[in-house]
Structures are given as C-alpha cells and as structure tokens.
C-alpha cells in the first residue's frame, strides 16, 4: 500500500509540473531496494529506467516538447509500477 500511495504522489507531482521536487528521486531510490527484494515479481530494469527519466527531468534543462516526451515516458513507468504493485492486491 505504501508503494501505491507513493506512486500516486509522484504522479500528482508530475501532473502539477513540479520538476524541481526531490521526492520522485527519493521514491525511485527506494524502489531500487524494493525491486531487488522482489526480483521475481517486480522487474528491476523498470526501476532503473524510471530513475534515469526522473533524474533527467530533475537535473536537465530541456525544451518544453522534449520535457513533455520524457514526462510521457515516465508516466508509462509509473503506470507499470502501479500495475505490478496492485497485482498483489487485486487478483484478476
């Protein structure tokens, strides 16, 4: 439940366009440990892609169109986080 809540917080931060927030990076570093402990259920490469995209958004100054494309890719990663963590709670 904590991972789902934090994922929703990161989605809220990104939709509000607060690119200078450090919470997404802290979230991704926490997800590295979470993915390492659940390697058969949660793909760790997904976390590394999210960490790279989050760091790119936080520390780089890009054109608005490129920033929008990176945010779109990060939304895909966050949706996958939501899917993989909600899968344990909701059995389809």
N, C-alpha and C. Protein backbone atom coordinates (compact mmCIF):
# COMPACT_ATOMS: atom_id res chain seq x y z
N UNK A 1 0.81 -1.20 0.00
CA UNK A 1 0.00 0.00 0.00
C UNK A 1 0.85 1.27 0.00
N UNK A 2 2.01 1.20 0.66
CA UNK A 2 2.88 2.38 0.70
C UNK A 2 3.43 2.69 -0.69
N UNK A 3 3.77 1.64 -1.43
CA UNK A 3 4.29 1.84 -2.78
C UNK A 3 3.22 2.45 -3.67
N UNK A 4 2.00 1.98 -3.54
CA UNK A 4 0.90 2.55 -4.34
C UNK A 4 0.67 4.02 -3.99
N UNK A 5 0.70 4.33 -2.71
CA UNK A 5 0.50 5.72 -2.29
C UNK A 5 1.62 6.62 -2.79
N UNK A 6 2.84 6.16 -2.68
CA UNK A 6 3.97 6.96 -3.15
C UNK A 6 3.95 7.12 -4.67
N UNK A 7 3.51 6.08 -5.39
CA UNK A 7 3.38 6.19 -6.83
C UNK A 7 2.35 7.25 -7.20
N UNK A 8 1.24 7.27 -6.50
CA UNK A 8 0.23 8.29 -6.76
C UNK A 8 0.73 9.69 -6.43
N UNK A 9 1.55 9.81 -5.39
CA UNK A 9 2.13 11.12 -5.04
C UNK A 9 3.06 11.59 -6.15
N UNK A 10 3.87 10.69 -6.69
CA UNK A 10 4.78 11.08 -7.78
C UNK A 10 3.98 11.47 -9.02
N UNK A 11 2.91 10.75 -9.30
CA UNK A 11 2.06 11.12 -10.44
C UNK A 11 1.46 12.51 -10.23
N UNK A 12 1.03 12.80 -9.00
CA UNK A 12 0.48 14.12 -8.69
C UNK A 12 1.54 15.21 -8.87
N UNK A 13 2.75 14.94 -8.40
CA UNK A 13 3.84 15.93 -8.53
C UNK A 13 4.14 16.20 -10.00
N UNK A 14 4.16 15.16 -10.80
CA UNK A 14 4.46 15.33 -12.23
C UNK A 14 3.32 16.03 -12.97
N UNK A 15 2.07 15.77 -12.60
CA UNK A 15 0.98 16.45 -13.28
C UNK A 15 0.91 17.93 -12.91
N UNK A 16 1.39 18.27 -11.72
CA UNK A 16 1.43 19.68 -11.31
C UNK A 16 2.64 20.40 -11.88
N UNK A 17 3.50 19.68 -12.60
CA UNK A 17 4.69 20.22 -13.27
C UNK A 17 5.72 20.78 -12.29
N UNK A 18 5.86 20.13 -11.13
CA UNK A 18 6.89 20.49 -10.17
C UNK A 18 8.14 19.68 -10.47
N UNK A 19 8.90 20.11 -11.46
CA UNK A 19 10.06 19.34 -11.91
C UNK A 19 11.24 19.45 -10.96
N UNK A 20 11.25 20.45 -10.08
CA UNK A 20 12.39 20.63 -9.18
C UNK A 20 12.19 19.93 -7.83
N UNK A 21 11.20 19.07 -7.71
CA UNK A 21 10.95 18.33 -6.48
C UNK A 21 11.90 17.14 -6.38
N UNK A 22 12.39 16.87 -5.18
CA UNK A 22 13.29 15.75 -4.96
C UNK A 22 12.56 14.47 -4.58
N UNK A 23 11.27 14.53 -4.28
CA UNK A 23 10.54 13.34 -3.86
C UNK A 23 10.56 12.22 -4.90
N UNK A 24 10.39 12.51 -6.21
CA UNK A 24 10.46 11.40 -7.17
C UNK A 24 11.80 10.66 -7.15
N UNK A 25 12.90 11.38 -6.96
CA UNK A 25 14.20 10.69 -6.91
C UNK A 25 14.32 9.83 -5.66
N UNK A 26 13.83 10.33 -4.54
CA UNK A 26 13.83 9.52 -3.31
C UNK A 26 12.95 8.29 -3.50
N UNK A 27 11.82 8.46 -4.16
CA UNK A 27 10.93 7.35 -4.46
C UNK A 27 11.63 6.30 -5.32
N UNK A 28 12.33 6.74 -6.36
CA UNK A 28 13.00 5.78 -7.24
C UNK A 28 14.14 5.06 -6.53
N UNK A 29 14.88 5.76 -5.67
CA UNK A 29 15.94 5.08 -4.92
C UNK A 29 15.35 4.06 -3.95
N UNK A 30 14.21 4.36 -3.36
CA UNK A 30 13.53 3.38 -2.52
C UNK A 30 13.02 2.20 -3.33
N UNK A 31 12.58 2.46 -4.55
CA UNK A 31 12.10 1.39 -5.41
C UNK A 31 13.22 0.46 -5.86
N UNK A 32 14.46 0.96 -5.91
CA UNK A 32 15.58 0.10 -6.26
C UNK A 32 15.70 -1.02 -5.23
N UNK A 33 15.61 -0.68 -3.95
CA UNK A 33 15.67 -1.70 -2.90
C UNK A 33 14.46 -2.61 -2.92
N UNK A 34 13.29 -2.06 -3.21
CA UNK A 34 12.07 -2.86 -3.27
C UNK A 34 12.14 -3.86 -4.42
N UNK A 35 12.63 -3.40 -5.57
CA UNK A 35 12.72 -4.29 -6.72
C UNK A 35 13.79 -5.36 -6.51
N UNK A 36 14.85 -5.02 -5.78
CA UNK A 36 15.89 -6.01 -5.51
C UNK A 36 15.38 -7.11 -4.58
N UNK A 37 14.48 -6.76 -3.68
CA UNK A 37 13.95 -7.77 -2.77
C UNK A 37 12.88 -8.63 -3.42
N UNK A 38 12.24 -8.14 -4.47
CA UNK A 38 11.17 -8.88 -5.16
C UNK A 38 11.53 -9.08 -6.63
N UNK A 39 12.71 -9.61 -6.91
CA UNK A 39 13.17 -9.67 -8.30
C UNK A 39 12.34 -10.60 -9.18
N UNK A 40 11.67 -11.59 -8.64
CA UNK A 40 10.87 -12.46 -9.50
C UNK A 40 9.49 -11.87 -9.80
N UNK A 41 9.03 -10.91 -9.00
CA UNK A 41 7.71 -10.33 -9.22
C UNK A 41 7.76 -8.93 -9.81
N UNK A 42 8.85 -8.25 -9.59
CA UNK A 42 8.96 -6.84 -9.99
C UNK A 42 10.23 -6.67 -10.82
N UNK A 43 10.15 -6.24 -12.09
CA UNK A 43 11.35 -6.13 -12.93
C UNK A 43 12.23 -4.95 -12.52
N UNK A 44 13.49 -5.20 -12.17
CA UNK A 44 14.36 -4.10 -11.73
C UNK A 44 14.75 -3.14 -12.85
N UNK A 45 14.76 -3.60 -14.10
CA UNK A 45 15.11 -2.68 -15.18
C UNK A 45 14.09 -1.56 -15.29
N UNK A 46 12.86 -1.81 -14.91
CA UNK A 46 11.83 -0.78 -14.94
C UNK A 46 12.16 0.35 -13.97
N UNK A 47 12.70 -0.01 -12.81
CA UNK A 47 13.08 0.98 -11.81
C UNK A 47 14.24 1.82 -12.32
N UNK A 48 15.21 1.18 -12.97
CA UNK A 48 16.36 1.92 -13.46
C UNK A 48 15.98 2.88 -14.58
N UNK A 49 15.04 2.50 -15.41
CA UNK A 49 14.55 3.41 -16.45
C UNK A 49 13.83 4.59 -15.80
N UNK A 50 13.01 4.32 -14.80
CA UNK A 50 12.32 5.41 -14.10
C UNK A 50 13.29 6.34 -13.39
N UNK A 51 14.34 5.77 -12.79
CA UNK A 51 15.35 6.60 -12.12
C UNK A 51 16.08 7.49 -13.13
N UNK A 52 16.40 6.94 -14.29
CA UNK A 52 17.06 7.74 -15.32
C UNK A 52 16.14 8.86 -15.82
N UNK A 53 14.88 8.54 -16.05
CA UNK A 53 13.94 9.56 -16.53
C UNK A 53 13.69 10.62 -15.46
N UNK A 54 13.56 10.19 -14.21
CA UNK A 54 13.35 11.15 -13.12
C UNK A 54 14.55 12.07 -12.92
N UNK A 55 15.75 11.49 -13.02
CA UNK A 55 16.96 12.32 -12.92
C UNK A 55 17.10 13.27 -14.08
N UNK A 56 16.72 12.82 -15.26
CA UNK A 56 16.77 13.70 -16.43
C UNK A 56 15.80 14.87 -16.28
N UNK A 57 14.62 14.60 -15.76
CA UNK A 57 13.66 15.69 -15.56
C UNK A 57 14.10 16.64 -14.46
N UNK A 58 14.75 16.11 -13.43
CA UNK A 58 15.12 16.93 -12.28
C UNK A 58 16.33 17.81 -12.57
N UNK A 59 17.34 17.28 -13.25
CA UNK A 59 18.61 17.98 -13.34
C UNK A 59 18.95 18.54 -14.71
N UNK A 60 18.14 18.33 -15.70
CA UNK A 60 18.43 18.85 -17.04
C UNK A 60 17.43 19.93 -17.41
N UNK A 61 17.91 20.85 -18.19
CA UNK A 61 17.06 21.91 -18.72
C UNK A 61 16.83 21.62 -20.19
N UNK A 62 15.59 21.30 -20.54
CA UNK A 62 15.28 20.87 -21.90
C UNK A 62 14.19 21.75 -22.48
N UNK A 63 13.98 21.60 -23.77
CA UNK A 63 12.89 22.33 -24.40
C UNK A 63 11.55 21.77 -23.90
N UNK A 64 10.49 22.55 -23.98
CA UNK A 64 9.19 22.08 -23.46
C UNK A 64 8.68 20.81 -24.15
N UNK A 65 8.94 20.67 -25.45
CA UNK A 65 8.46 19.46 -26.15
C UNK A 65 9.22 18.23 -25.70
N UNK A 66 10.53 18.34 -25.51
CA UNK A 66 11.32 17.20 -25.06
C UNK A 66 10.96 16.84 -23.62
N UNK A 67 10.72 17.85 -22.79
CA UNK A 67 10.28 17.60 -21.42
C UNK A 67 8.95 16.87 -21.40
N UNK A 68 8.04 17.26 -22.27
CA UNK A 68 6.75 16.59 -22.36
C UNK A 68 6.90 15.13 -22.78
N UNK A 69 7.82 14.85 -23.69
CA UNK A 69 8.06 13.47 -24.13
C UNK A 69 8.66 12.62 -23.01
N UNK A 70 9.59 13.19 -22.25
CA UNK A 70 10.20 12.47 -21.13
C UNK A 70 9.15 12.21 -20.04
N UNK A 71 8.30 13.21 -19.77
CA UNK A 71 7.23 13.02 -18.78
C UNK A 71 6.25 11.94 -19.23
N UNK A 72 5.95 11.87 -20.51
CA UNK A 72 5.06 10.83 -21.02
C UNK A 72 5.66 9.44 -20.80
N UNK A 73 6.96 9.31 -21.05
CA UNK A 73 7.64 8.03 -20.81
C UNK A 73 7.64 7.70 -19.32
N UNK A 74 7.84 8.70 -18.47
CA UNK A 74 7.82 8.45 -17.04
C UNK A 74 6.43 8.05 -16.55
N UNK A 75 5.39 8.61 -17.15
CA UNK A 75 4.03 8.18 -16.80
C UNK A 75 3.83 6.70 -17.13
N UNK A 76 4.42 6.24 -18.22
CA UNK A 76 4.34 4.83 -18.56
C UNK A 76 5.02 3.95 -17.52
N UNK A 77 6.18 4.40 -17.04
CA UNK A 77 6.90 3.66 -16.00
C UNK A 77 6.08 3.65 -14.70
N UNK A 78 5.51 4.79 -14.35
CA UNK A 78 4.70 4.85 -13.13
C UNK A 78 3.44 4.00 -13.24
N UNK A 79 2.86 3.94 -14.43
CA UNK A 79 1.70 3.07 -14.64
C UNK A 79 2.09 1.60 -14.48
N UNK A 80 3.28 1.24 -14.94
CA UNK A 80 3.76 -0.13 -14.76
C UNK A 80 4.01 -0.42 -13.28
N UNK A 81 4.57 0.55 -12.54
CA UNK A 81 4.74 0.38 -11.09
C UNK A 81 3.39 0.11 -10.44
N UNK A 82 2.41 0.91 -10.81
CA UNK A 82 1.07 0.76 -10.25
C UNK A 82 0.50 -0.62 -10.57
N UNK A 83 0.69 -1.07 -11.81
CA UNK A 83 0.18 -2.37 -12.21
C UNK A 83 0.85 -3.50 -11.42
N UNK A 84 2.18 -3.47 -11.33
CA UNK A 84 2.90 -4.56 -10.67
C UNK A 84 2.64 -4.59 -9.17
N UNK A 85 2.44 -3.44 -8.54
CA UNK A 85 2.17 -3.45 -7.10
C UNK A 85 0.69 -3.74 -6.81
N UNK A 86 -0.20 -3.28 -7.66
CA UNK A 86 -1.63 -3.56 -7.45
C UNK A 86 -1.96 -5.01 -7.78
N UNK A 87 -1.12 -5.65 -8.56
CA UNK A 87 -1.36 -7.04 -8.92
C UNK A 87 -1.34 -7.95 -7.69
N UNK A 88 -0.55 -7.58 -6.68
CA UNK A 88 -0.52 -8.36 -5.45
C UNK A 88 -1.77 -8.22 -4.63
N UNK A 89 -2.50 -7.10 -4.77
CA UNK A 89 -3.71 -6.86 -4.01
C UNK A 89 -4.97 -7.31 -4.74
N UNK A 90 -4.95 -7.16 -6.06
CA UNK A 90 -6.13 -7.46 -6.86
C UNK A 90 -5.79 -8.65 -7.77
N UNK A 91 -6.46 -9.74 -7.57
CA UNK A 91 -6.25 -10.92 -8.42
C UNK A 91 -7.24 -10.90 -9.57
N UNK A 92 -6.69 -10.90 -10.78
CA UNK A 92 -7.55 -10.89 -11.96
C UNK A 92 -7.92 -12.29 -12.37
